[in-house]
N, C-alpha and C. Protein backbone atom coordinates (compact mmCIF):
# COMPACT_ATOMS: atom_id res chain seq x y z
N MET A 1 71.16 120.32 108.86
CA MET A 1 71.19 119.18 109.74
C MET A 1 70.63 117.96 109.03
N ARG A 2 71.07 116.77 109.41
CA ARG A 2 70.67 115.53 108.75
C ARG A 2 69.61 114.77 109.53
N HIS A 3 68.70 115.46 110.20
CA HIS A 3 67.68 114.75 110.96
C HIS A 3 66.78 113.94 110.04
N LEU A 4 66.51 112.71 110.43
CA LEU A 4 65.60 111.80 109.73
C LEU A 4 66.03 111.49 108.29
N LYS A 5 67.28 111.62 107.97
CA LYS A 5 67.78 111.24 106.65
C LYS A 5 68.30 109.81 106.77
N LYS A 6 67.74 108.90 106.01
CA LYS A 6 68.05 107.49 106.20
C LYS A 6 69.13 106.97 105.28
N THR A 7 69.48 107.69 104.22
CA THR A 7 70.47 107.18 103.29
C THR A 7 71.87 107.33 103.86
N LYS A 8 72.66 106.28 103.71
CA LYS A 8 74.07 106.34 104.10
C LYS A 8 74.85 106.93 102.93
N LYS A 9 75.75 107.85 103.23
CA LYS A 9 76.46 108.54 102.16
C LYS A 9 77.73 107.83 101.72
N LEU A 10 78.30 106.99 102.57
CA LEU A 10 79.52 106.23 102.25
C LEU A 10 80.67 107.12 101.81
N SER A 11 80.73 108.33 102.31
CA SER A 11 81.79 109.30 102.01
C SER A 11 81.92 109.59 100.53
N ARG A 12 80.80 109.62 99.81
CA ARG A 12 80.80 109.89 98.38
C ARG A 12 79.65 110.83 98.05
N LYS A 13 79.78 111.50 96.91
CA LYS A 13 78.67 112.30 96.41
C LYS A 13 77.66 111.38 95.74
N LYS A 14 76.55 111.95 95.30
CA LYS A 14 75.43 111.15 94.82
C LYS A 14 75.78 110.28 93.62
N GLY A 15 76.42 110.83 92.62
CA GLY A 15 76.72 110.08 91.40
C GLY A 15 77.66 108.90 91.64
N PRO A 16 78.83 109.15 92.25
CA PRO A 16 79.72 108.02 92.54
C PRO A 16 79.10 106.98 93.47
N ARG A 17 78.27 107.42 94.41
CA ARG A 17 77.63 106.48 95.32
C ARG A 17 76.65 105.58 94.58
N GLN A 18 75.86 106.17 93.68
CA GLN A 18 74.91 105.37 92.91
C GLN A 18 75.63 104.38 92.00
N ALA A 19 76.74 104.82 91.39
CA ALA A 19 77.51 103.93 90.52
C ALA A 19 78.11 102.78 91.32
N LEU A 20 78.62 103.08 92.51
CA LEU A 20 79.19 102.05 93.37
C LEU A 20 78.13 101.01 93.73
N LEU A 21 76.94 101.45 94.11
CA LEU A 21 75.90 100.52 94.53
C LEU A 21 75.37 99.70 93.36
N LYS A 22 75.26 100.30 92.17
CA LYS A 22 74.83 99.55 90.99
C LYS A 22 75.83 98.46 90.65
N ASN A 23 77.11 98.80 90.67
CA ASN A 23 78.14 97.82 90.33
C ASN A 23 78.25 96.74 91.40
N LEU A 24 78.09 97.10 92.66
CA LEU A 24 78.13 96.11 93.73
C LEU A 24 76.95 95.15 93.61
N ALA A 25 75.77 95.67 93.32
CA ALA A 25 74.59 94.82 93.14
C ALA A 25 74.79 93.88 91.96
N GLN A 26 75.35 94.39 90.89
CA GLN A 26 75.60 93.56 89.71
C GLN A 26 76.60 92.45 90.03
N SER A 27 77.64 92.76 90.78
CA SER A 27 78.63 91.74 91.16
C SER A 27 78.01 90.66 92.03
N ILE A 28 77.14 91.05 92.95
CA ILE A 28 76.49 90.08 93.82
C ILE A 28 75.59 89.16 92.99
N ILE A 29 74.90 89.72 92.01
CA ILE A 29 74.02 88.92 91.16
C ILE A 29 74.83 87.95 90.31
N LEU A 30 75.89 88.43 89.69
CA LEU A 30 76.66 87.59 88.78
C LEU A 30 77.49 86.53 89.50
N TYR A 31 78.12 86.88 90.62
CA TYR A 31 79.03 85.95 91.30
C TYR A 31 78.39 85.25 92.50
N GLU A 32 77.22 85.72 92.91
CA GLU A 32 76.40 85.16 94.00
C GLU A 32 77.01 85.28 95.39
N LYS A 33 78.24 85.74 95.53
CA LYS A 33 78.78 86.15 96.83
C LYS A 33 79.96 87.07 96.58
N VAL A 34 80.05 88.11 97.42
CA VAL A 34 81.05 89.15 97.26
C VAL A 34 81.58 89.53 98.63
N LYS A 35 82.87 89.79 98.70
CA LYS A 35 83.49 90.26 99.93
C LYS A 35 83.61 91.79 99.85
N THR A 36 83.04 92.49 100.81
CA THR A 36 83.03 93.95 100.79
C THR A 36 83.01 94.46 102.22
N THR A 37 82.96 95.79 102.39
CA THR A 37 82.92 96.34 103.74
C THR A 37 81.50 96.23 104.30
N GLU A 38 81.40 96.29 105.60
CA GLU A 38 80.11 96.12 106.27
C GLU A 38 79.14 97.24 105.90
N ALA A 39 79.62 98.47 105.82
CA ALA A 39 78.74 99.60 105.52
C ALA A 39 78.14 99.47 104.12
N LYS A 40 78.95 99.10 103.13
CA LYS A 40 78.44 98.95 101.77
C LYS A 40 77.44 97.81 101.69
N ALA A 41 77.71 96.72 102.38
CA ALA A 41 76.80 95.57 102.35
C ALA A 41 75.46 95.93 102.96
N LYS A 42 75.47 96.68 104.05
CA LYS A 42 74.22 97.06 104.71
C LYS A 42 73.40 98.01 103.85
N VAL A 43 74.06 98.80 103.00
CA VAL A 43 73.33 99.73 102.14
C VAL A 43 72.75 99.00 100.93
N VAL A 44 73.51 98.05 100.36
CA VAL A 44 73.07 97.41 99.12
C VAL A 44 72.06 96.28 99.37
N LYS A 45 72.03 95.72 100.55
CA LYS A 45 71.15 94.58 100.84
C LYS A 45 69.67 94.89 100.63
N PRO A 46 69.11 95.98 101.19
CA PRO A 46 67.69 96.24 100.96
C PRO A 46 67.36 96.52 99.49
N GLN A 47 68.28 97.17 98.78
CA GLN A 47 68.03 97.45 97.36
C GLN A 47 67.95 96.15 96.57
N LEU A 48 68.88 95.25 96.84
CA LEU A 48 68.90 93.97 96.12
C LEU A 48 67.69 93.11 96.47
N GLU A 49 67.28 93.15 97.72
CA GLU A 49 66.12 92.34 98.10
C GLU A 49 64.85 92.86 97.42
N ARG A 50 64.74 94.16 97.25
CA ARG A 50 63.60 94.71 96.50
C ARG A 50 63.65 94.25 95.05
N MET A 51 64.85 94.23 94.45
CA MET A 51 64.98 93.79 93.06
C MET A 51 64.60 92.31 92.91
N ILE A 52 64.99 91.48 93.87
CA ILE A 52 64.67 90.06 93.80
C ILE A 52 63.16 89.86 93.90
N THR A 53 62.51 90.64 94.76
CA THR A 53 61.06 90.56 94.88
C THR A 53 60.39 90.93 93.56
N ARG A 54 60.94 91.92 92.87
CA ARG A 54 60.39 92.28 91.56
C ARG A 54 60.66 91.20 90.52
N ALA A 55 61.82 90.54 90.61
CA ALA A 55 62.19 89.51 89.63
C ALA A 55 61.32 88.27 89.76
N LYS A 56 60.70 88.07 90.91
CA LYS A 56 59.82 86.92 91.07
C LYS A 56 58.59 87.04 90.18
N LYS A 57 58.20 88.27 89.87
CA LYS A 57 57.06 88.51 88.98
C LYS A 57 57.64 88.94 87.63
N ASP A 58 57.66 88.04 86.69
CA ASP A 58 58.31 88.29 85.40
C ASP A 58 57.34 88.93 84.42
N ASN A 59 57.36 90.27 84.37
CA ASN A 59 56.58 90.98 83.37
C ASN A 59 57.42 92.14 82.84
N LEU A 60 56.91 92.83 81.85
CA LEU A 60 57.68 93.87 81.17
C LEU A 60 58.03 95.02 82.11
N HIS A 61 57.09 95.41 82.95
CA HIS A 61 57.32 96.54 83.86
C HIS A 61 58.46 96.24 84.83
N SER A 62 58.42 95.06 85.43
CA SER A 62 59.49 94.72 86.39
C SER A 62 60.82 94.53 85.68
N ARG A 63 60.82 94.01 84.45
CA ARG A 63 62.07 93.89 83.69
C ARG A 63 62.69 95.27 83.44
N ARG A 64 61.86 96.22 83.06
CA ARG A 64 62.39 97.56 82.77
C ARG A 64 62.88 98.24 84.04
N GLN A 65 62.21 98.04 85.15
CA GLN A 65 62.66 98.64 86.40
C GLN A 65 64.00 98.07 86.85
N ILE A 66 64.16 96.76 86.74
CA ILE A 66 65.42 96.14 87.15
C ILE A 66 66.54 96.51 86.19
N MET A 67 66.25 96.58 84.90
CA MET A 67 67.29 96.96 83.93
C MET A 67 67.75 98.40 84.14
N SER A 68 66.88 99.25 84.68
CA SER A 68 67.29 100.62 84.95
C SER A 68 68.20 100.70 86.17
N LYS A 69 68.14 99.71 87.04
CA LYS A 69 68.95 99.72 88.25
C LYS A 69 70.27 98.98 88.11
N LEU A 70 70.46 98.22 87.02
CA LEU A 70 71.68 97.45 86.81
C LEU A 70 72.39 97.92 85.55
N PRO A 71 73.73 98.00 85.57
CA PRO A 71 74.45 98.51 84.41
C PRO A 71 74.56 97.51 83.25
N ALA A 72 74.46 96.20 83.50
CA ALA A 72 74.63 95.21 82.44
C ALA A 72 73.35 94.40 82.25
N LYS A 73 73.06 94.07 80.99
CA LYS A 73 71.85 93.32 80.69
C LYS A 73 71.94 91.87 81.12
N ASN A 74 73.17 91.30 81.16
CA ASN A 74 73.28 89.90 81.55
C ASN A 74 72.94 89.70 83.03
N ALA A 75 73.16 90.69 83.86
CA ALA A 75 72.77 90.60 85.27
C ALA A 75 71.25 90.61 85.40
N ALA A 76 70.59 91.46 84.63
CA ALA A 76 69.12 91.51 84.66
C ALA A 76 68.54 90.20 84.14
N ARG A 77 69.15 89.64 83.10
CA ARG A 77 68.68 88.37 82.56
C ARG A 77 68.81 87.26 83.61
N LYS A 78 69.92 87.26 84.33
CA LYS A 78 70.12 86.24 85.37
C LYS A 78 69.10 86.40 86.49
N MET A 79 68.73 87.64 86.80
CA MET A 79 67.73 87.87 87.84
C MET A 79 66.42 87.18 87.50
N PHE A 80 65.99 87.27 86.23
CA PHE A 80 64.69 86.71 85.86
C PHE A 80 64.75 85.22 85.53
N GLU A 81 65.88 84.74 85.03
CA GLU A 81 65.96 83.33 84.63
C GLU A 81 66.41 82.42 85.75
N VAL A 82 67.25 82.91 86.67
CA VAL A 82 67.83 82.04 87.70
C VAL A 82 67.34 82.43 89.10
N ILE A 83 67.56 83.67 89.49
CA ILE A 83 67.35 84.08 90.88
C ILE A 83 65.86 84.23 91.22
N GLY A 84 65.07 84.82 90.32
CA GLY A 84 63.64 84.99 90.58
C GLY A 84 62.93 83.66 90.80
N PRO A 85 63.08 82.69 89.88
CA PRO A 85 62.43 81.40 90.10
C PRO A 85 62.96 80.64 91.33
N ARG A 86 64.22 80.85 91.69
CA ARG A 86 64.80 80.17 92.85
C ARG A 86 64.07 80.55 94.13
N TYR A 87 63.65 81.82 94.24
CA TYR A 87 63.01 82.31 95.47
C TYR A 87 61.51 82.53 95.28
N LYS A 88 60.88 81.80 94.38
CA LYS A 88 59.46 81.99 94.09
C LYS A 88 58.59 81.78 95.33
N ASP A 89 58.93 80.80 96.17
CA ASP A 89 58.09 80.50 97.33
C ASP A 89 58.55 81.19 98.60
N ARG A 90 59.67 81.90 98.57
CA ARG A 90 60.21 82.54 99.76
C ARG A 90 59.65 83.95 99.88
N LYS A 91 59.29 84.35 101.10
CA LYS A 91 58.66 85.66 101.33
C LYS A 91 59.67 86.80 101.40
N GLY A 92 60.89 86.53 101.79
CA GLY A 92 61.89 87.60 101.92
C GLY A 92 63.15 87.03 102.53
N GLY A 93 64.13 87.87 102.81
CA GLY A 93 65.37 87.41 103.40
C GLY A 93 66.19 86.59 102.43
N TYR A 94 66.47 87.16 101.26
CA TYR A 94 67.16 86.43 100.21
C TYR A 94 68.68 86.49 100.37
N LEU A 95 69.18 87.45 101.12
CA LEU A 95 70.63 87.65 101.26
C LEU A 95 71.03 87.50 102.72
N LYS A 96 72.27 87.08 102.93
CA LYS A 96 72.79 87.05 104.29
C LYS A 96 74.17 87.70 104.30
N ILE A 97 74.47 88.35 105.41
CA ILE A 97 75.76 89.02 105.60
C ILE A 97 76.52 88.25 106.67
N THR A 98 77.71 87.78 106.32
CA THR A 98 78.55 87.03 107.24
C THR A 98 79.78 87.87 107.54
N LYS A 99 80.05 88.11 108.81
CA LYS A 99 81.19 88.93 109.19
C LYS A 99 82.49 88.16 109.04
N LEU A 100 83.54 88.86 108.57
CA LEU A 100 84.87 88.30 108.39
C LEU A 100 85.85 89.09 109.25
N ASN A 101 87.13 88.84 109.08
CA ASN A 101 88.15 89.60 109.79
C ASN A 101 88.22 91.02 109.24
N THR A 102 88.93 91.89 109.97
CA THR A 102 89.11 93.25 109.48
C THR A 102 90.14 93.28 108.37
N ARG A 103 90.04 94.29 107.52
CA ARG A 103 90.98 94.44 106.42
C ARG A 103 92.32 94.90 106.98
N LYS A 104 93.40 94.36 106.45
CA LYS A 104 94.71 94.59 107.01
C LYS A 104 95.17 96.05 106.86
N GLY A 105 94.89 96.68 105.73
CA GLY A 105 95.41 98.01 105.47
C GLY A 105 94.83 99.10 106.34
N ASP A 106 93.50 99.13 106.46
CA ASP A 106 92.86 100.22 107.19
C ASP A 106 91.93 99.76 108.30
N SER A 107 91.95 98.48 108.64
CA SER A 107 91.13 97.90 109.70
C SER A 107 89.64 98.09 109.46
N ALA A 108 89.21 98.10 108.21
CA ALA A 108 87.79 98.20 107.91
C ALA A 108 87.13 96.85 108.20
N LYS A 109 85.89 96.89 108.70
CA LYS A 109 85.16 95.65 108.99
C LYS A 109 84.72 95.05 107.65
N MET A 110 85.14 93.82 107.40
CA MET A 110 84.82 93.14 106.14
C MET A 110 83.73 92.12 106.37
N VAL A 111 82.88 91.95 105.36
CA VAL A 111 81.81 90.98 105.40
C VAL A 111 81.71 90.28 104.05
N GLN A 112 80.99 89.16 104.04
CA GLN A 112 80.68 88.49 102.81
C GLN A 112 79.18 88.50 102.67
N ILE A 113 78.69 89.03 101.56
CA ILE A 113 77.26 89.07 101.32
C ILE A 113 76.97 88.05 100.23
N GLU A 114 75.96 87.18 100.50
CA GLU A 114 75.67 86.09 99.57
C GLU A 114 74.20 85.74 99.63
N PHE A 115 73.75 85.00 98.62
CA PHE A 115 72.37 84.54 98.58
C PHE A 115 72.18 83.40 99.57
N VAL A 116 70.99 83.31 100.14
CA VAL A 116 70.69 82.25 101.11
C VAL A 116 70.41 80.97 100.35
């Protein structure tokens, strides 16, 4: 039984799910807004907000932690050079999810996730 299990599985096994979330987080960092399904956006938002909080404190430990969570080094570099300093004075709530129309093929709820 799945009582008290908080992770959303997104109809994938552990490895593909982790790869999907890493790549989605990287796309949001590099392009600053991405159109995706509502379920994926709700799963990736808390992870990205934790990463941004770590990027505000630029030291070796936080750099290594963020680089382990992102597949490309240029995304980690952007986190520390652009995004971290941008939200230095903000306490939280770095991302917003805006609802869009449903996807035509399968009627999935689509959203746009972007930086505030």
